[in-house]
Protein backbone atom coordinates (compact mmCIF):
# COMPACT_ATOMS: atom_id res chain seq x y z
CA UNK A 1 178.96 192.68 28.15
CA UNK A 2 180.12 190.01 30.58
CA UNK A 3 176.99 187.92 29.96
CA UNK A 4 177.45 188.24 26.20
CA UNK A 5 181.12 187.27 26.41
CA UNK A 6 180.14 184.11 28.29
CA UNK A 7 177.24 183.25 25.98
CA UNK A 8 179.26 183.46 22.75
CA UNK A 9 181.66 180.84 24.14
CA UNK A 10 178.82 178.28 24.13
CA UNK A 11 176.18 179.46 21.66
CA UNK A 12 175.72 181.52 18.52
CA UNK A 13 174.36 184.90 19.65
CA UNK A 14 172.22 187.18 17.48
CA UNK A 15 171.42 190.83 18.16
CA UNK A 16 168.86 193.29 16.82
CA UNK A 17 168.51 196.94 17.69
CA UNK A 18 165.99 198.46 20.06
CA UNK A 19 164.93 202.02 20.69
CA UNK A 20 167.41 202.51 23.54
CA UNK A 21 170.36 201.77 21.27
CA UNK A 22 169.23 204.59 18.99
CA UNK A 23 168.50 206.99 21.84
CA UNK A 24 171.89 206.36 23.48
CA UNK A 25 173.77 208.02 20.63
CA UNK A 26 176.44 205.33 21.11
CA UNK A 27 175.13 202.60 18.83
CA UNK A 28 178.11 202.49 16.45
CA UNK A 29 180.56 201.77 19.27
CA UNK A 30 178.17 199.18 20.74
CA UNK A 31 177.89 197.37 17.41
CA UNK A 32 181.69 197.29 17.03
CA UNK A 33 182.06 195.82 20.50
CA UNK A 34 179.35 193.21 19.92
CA UNK A 35 181.00 192.11 16.67
CA UNK A 36 184.41 192.04 18.37
CA UNK A 37 183.06 189.39 20.76
CA UNK A 38 181.51 187.34 17.96
CA UNK A 39 177.88 188.46 18.17
CA UNK A 40 175.94 188.26 14.90
CA UNK A 41 174.29 191.66 14.43
CA UNK A 42 171.26 191.43 12.12
CA UNK A 43 170.17 194.73 10.60
CA UNK A 44 167.37 194.14 8.10
CA UNK A 45 168.89 190.88 6.92
CA UNK A 46 168.63 187.15 7.42
CA UNK A 47 170.85 184.14 7.93
CA UNK A 48 170.20 180.46 7.42
CA UNK A 49 170.73 178.31 10.49
CA UNK A 50 171.26 174.59 10.05
CA UNK A 51 171.05 171.84 12.63
CA UNK A 52 171.40 168.30 11.36
CA UNK A 53 169.17 168.15 8.27
CA UNK A 54 166.91 171.04 9.31
CA UNK A 55 167.39 174.67 8.30
CA UNK A 56 165.51 177.82 9.28
CA UNK A 57 165.63 181.45 8.20
CA UNK A 58 166.51 183.82 11.03
CA UNK A 59 165.59 187.40 10.15
CA UNK A 60 166.55 190.45 12.18
CA UNK A 61 165.23 193.97 11.72
CA UNK A 62 166.11 197.35 13.18
CA UNK A 63 163.85 199.11 15.61
CA UNK A 64 161.83 201.73 13.69
CA UNK A 65 163.63 204.43 15.71
CA UNK A 66 166.51 203.80 13.26
CA UNK A 67 164.19 204.71 10.35
CA UNK A 68 164.56 208.02 8.59
CA UNK A 69 162.16 210.93 8.60
CA UNK A 70 158.63 211.00 9.93
CA UNK A 71 157.45 207.82 8.22
CA UNK A 72 154.80 205.62 9.78
CA UNK A 73 156.54 203.04 12.00
CA UNK A 74 154.38 200.21 10.64
CA UNK A 75 155.54 201.02 7.10
CA UNK A 76 159.16 201.12 8.29
CA UNK A 77 158.71 197.64 9.81
CA UNK A 78 157.25 196.25 6.57
CA UNK A 79 160.10 197.72 4.50
CA UNK A 80 162.69 196.30 6.90
CA UNK A 81 161.15 192.82 6.76
CA UNK A 82 161.13 192.95 2.95
CA UNK A 83 164.83 193.91 2.97
CA UNK A 84 165.59 191.05 5.35
CA UNK A 85 163.80 188.58 3.05
CA UNK A 86 165.94 189.35 -0.01
CA UNK A 87 167.38 186.08 -1.41
CA UNK A 88 165.77 184.12 1.43
CA UNK A 89 164.78 180.47 0.95
CA UNK A 90 160.96 180.75 1.11
CA UNK A 91 160.20 177.13 2.00
CA UNK A 92 161.93 177.23 5.39
CA UNK A 93 160.55 178.01 8.82
CA UNK A 94 160.92 181.78 9.35
CA UNK A 95 161.91 183.28 12.71
CA UNK A 96 162.00 187.06 13.11
CA UNK A 97 163.93 188.94 15.78
CA UNK A 98 162.21 192.31 16.23
CA UNK A 99 162.21 194.55 19.27
CA UNK A 100 158.60 195.73 18.95
CA UNK A 101 155.66 193.39 19.73
CA UNK A 102 152.95 195.92 18.86
CA UNK A 103 153.56 195.27 15.14
CA UNK A 104 152.18 191.72 15.23
CA UNK A 105 149.71 192.58 12.42
CA UNK A 106 152.62 193.50 10.13
CA UNK A 107 154.50 190.32 11.12
CA UNK A 108 151.44 188.18 10.41
CA UNK A 109 150.88 189.84 7.03
CA UNK A 110 154.50 189.05 6.09
CA UNK A 111 153.88 185.34 6.80
CA UNK A 112 156.44 184.90 9.54
CA UNK A 113 156.16 181.71 11.58
CA UNK A 114 157.70 182.89 14.85
CA UNK A 115 158.57 186.34 16.18
CA UNK A 116 160.83 186.88 19.20
CA UNK A 117 160.29 190.30 20.73
CA UNK A 118 160.60 192.45 23.83
CA UNK A 119 160.31 196.25 24.31
CA UNK A 120 157.32 196.14 26.70
CA UNK A 121 159.41 195.32 29.82
CA UNK A 122 156.60 193.05 30.99
CA UNK A 123 154.33 196.05 31.47
CA UNK A 124 156.65 197.41 34.22
CA UNK A 125 154.06 196.80 36.96
CA UNK A 126 151.99 193.61 36.76
CA UNK A 127 148.77 192.89 38.59
CA UNK A 128 147.37 189.38 39.08
CA UNK A 129 144.64 188.51 36.54
CA UNK A 130 145.26 191.80 34.69
CA UNK A 131 148.87 191.67 33.53
CA UNK A 132 151.09 194.60 32.65
CA UNK A 133 149.91 198.14 33.38
CA UNK A 134 151.95 200.23 30.95
CA UNK A 135 154.30 199.59 28.03
CA UNK A 136 156.19 201.80 25.59
CA UNK A 137 154.23 202.48 22.39
CA UNK A 138 151.22 200.57 23.78
CA UNK A 139 150.19 202.84 26.64
CA UNK A 140 148.05 201.81 29.61
CA UNK A 141 146.83 198.18 29.83
CA UNK A 142 148.95 197.02 26.88
CA UNK A 143 148.06 193.87 24.98
CA UNK A 144 151.55 192.46 24.31
CA UNK A 145 153.75 192.46 27.43
CA UNK A 146 154.94 188.91 28.11
CA UNK A 147 154.40 185.38 26.95
CA UNK A 148 153.07 183.71 23.82
CA UNK A 149 150.61 185.30 21.41
CA UNK A 150 149.22 183.60 18.30
CA UNK A 151 147.56 185.46 15.44
CA UNK A 152 146.65 183.50 12.32
CA UNK A 153 149.76 181.41 11.53
CA UNK A 154 152.24 183.62 13.39
CA UNK A 155 153.36 182.91 16.95
CA UNK A 156 155.05 185.69 18.90
CA UNK A 157 157.01 185.32 22.13
CA UNK A 158 157.44 188.53 24.10
CA UNK A 159 160.16 188.51 26.74
CA UNK A 160 159.89 190.69 29.84
CA UNK A 161 163.64 191.15 29.50
CA UNK A 162 166.13 192.19 32.15
CA UNK A 163 165.79 195.98 32.31
CA UNK A 164 163.13 198.61 32.80
CA UNK A 165 161.99 201.68 30.96
CA UNK A 166 159.24 204.11 31.88
CA UNK A 167 159.32 203.33 35.60
CA UNK A 168 162.80 202.76 37.08
CA UNK A 169 161.68 199.60 38.89
CA UNK A 170 159.58 196.48 38.42
CA UNK A 171 156.65 195.52 40.61
CA UNK A 172 155.39 191.90 40.55
CA UNK A 173 157.30 191.62 37.29
CA UNK A 174 160.37 189.42 37.46
CA UNK A 175 163.09 189.90 34.85
CA UNK A 176 163.49 186.98 32.47
CA UNK A 177 165.54 185.45 29.72
CA UNK A 178 163.32 183.33 27.50
CA UNK A 179 164.53 180.03 26.09
CA UNK A 180 162.68 178.82 22.99
CA UNK A 181 163.28 175.31 21.70
CA UNK A 182 162.35 174.55 18.10
CA UNK A 183 161.55 170.93 17.28
């Protein structure tokens, strides 16, 4: 929380859920603490962000782990994006915050311009010329682990993030915080 407390002093900070928040069983207290420090928690909703004369739509959706029942995760993602788009200005540039990169097909079909994602932890172990070896929900030799991916008119940036998941360490896989500048 120290990093978050410092960041909100200088920048607007936005948060979306991931699978670990659901699995922890402590999400409600985490959300209260985030909001207490001024973090904007986006749960299947959007906000307009204005800078000078430019305005974008920033959408944030829950990780499908927060979905109910045994529904297909891709369908959960589509429903969450549709909820986030309610009353949205359609002519603006659309940025989606979503934990899961493996749903790029769904993001592309929903005509999102930019997706900021994570979840893959960079593939945990990275090999030169090959990339990440394993990622949650993508298995061995995952496709979306780090960097920029473009499909049709949707660009997706996948951050390696700061933590780890399946393997309790990183090998040839430096943690990162990604900075994206929109012009």
